[in-house]
Amino acid sequence: MPNIGPMELVIVLVIALLILGPKKLPDVGRSVGRGLREFKDSVSGRDHDDDPALEGAARTRETV
């Protein structure tokens, strides 16, 4: 696995900022975070649909 240091991360973030622009960058970061979280949950076998506390929250969101 390649060793990625702070300088490389800064370069990648600057390139992303130039390509996407300052308005879209937070949305893209949020989408990537959600995707990674969903992927991690599916790999670990966790399913939020089985949790009754979260089902009630999902129903309230659907009715709003």
Protein backbone atom coordinates (compact mmCIF):
# COMPACT_ATOMS: atom_id res chain seq x y z
CA MET A 1 0.00 0.00 0.00
CA PRO A 2 1.42 3.41 -0.91
CA ASN A 3 2.46 5.74 1.85
CA ILE A 4 0.37 8.92 1.53
CA GLY A 5 1.66 11.84 3.55
CA PRO A 6 0.18 15.23 4.36
CA MET A 7 1.73 16.90 1.30
CA GLU A 8 0.13 14.40 -1.06
CA LEU A 9 -3.25 14.93 0.61
CA VAL A 10 -2.92 18.70 0.17
CA ILE A 11 -2.13 18.25 -3.52
CA VAL A 12 -5.15 15.99 -4.03
CA LEU A 13 -7.44 18.44 -2.21
CA VAL A 14 -6.17 21.39 -4.27
CA ILE A 15 -6.75 19.48 -7.51
CA ALA A 16 -10.27 18.51 -6.34
CA LEU A 17 -10.96 22.14 -5.45
CA LEU A 18 -9.83 23.31 -8.88
CA ILE A 19 -11.89 20.69 -10.72
CA LEU A 20 -15.10 20.81 -8.65
CA GLY A 21 -15.07 24.34 -7.30
CA PRO A 22 -15.67 25.54 -3.77
CA LYS A 23 -19.47 25.20 -3.93
CA LYS A 24 -19.61 21.54 -4.96
CA LEU A 25 -16.70 20.22 -2.90
CA PRO A 26 -18.66 19.85 0.40
CA ASP A 27 -21.50 18.04 -1.39
CA VAL A 28 -19.10 15.63 -3.04
CA GLY A 29 -17.36 14.95 0.27
CA ARG A 30 -20.69 14.31 1.96
CA SER A 31 -21.75 11.92 -0.82
CA VAL A 32 -18.48 10.01 -0.65
CA GLY A 33 -18.83 9.72 3.13
CA ARG A 34 -22.36 8.36 2.83
CA GLY A 35 -21.27 5.89 0.19
CA LEU A 36 -18.38 4.63 2.29
CA ARG A 37 -20.63 4.31 5.33
CA GLU A 38 -23.23 2.32 3.36
CA PHE A 39 -20.51 0.11 1.91
CA LYS A 40 -19.03 -0.54 5.35
CA ASP A 41 -22.46 -1.36 6.79
CA SER A 42 -23.27 -3.76 3.96
CA VAL A 43 -19.92 -5.54 4.24
CA SER A 44 -20.24 -5.90 8.01
CA GLY A 45 -23.79 -7.24 7.63
CA ARG A 46 -25.47 -4.52 9.65
CA ASP A 47 -28.91 -3.57 8.48
CA HIS A 48 -30.59 -0.50 9.93
CA ASP A 49 -34.03 -1.73 8.79
CA ASP A 50 -34.00 -4.30 11.62
CA ASP A 51 -33.61 -1.65 14.32
CA PRO A 52 -37.06 -0.60 15.63
CA ALA A 53 -35.76 2.75 16.92
CA LEU A 54 -34.54 3.69 13.46
CA GLU A 55 -37.74 2.45 11.80
CA GLY A 56 -39.74 5.04 13.73
CA ALA A 57 -37.31 7.74 12.63
CA ALA A 58 -37.64 6.61 9.02
CA ARG A 59 -41.44 6.74 9.24
CA THR A 60 -41.35 10.29 10.59
CA ARG A 61 -39.08 11.34 7.74
CA GLU A 62 -41.45 9.77 5.19
CA THR A 63 -44.48 11.60 6.55
CA VAL A 64 -42.77 15.01 6.56
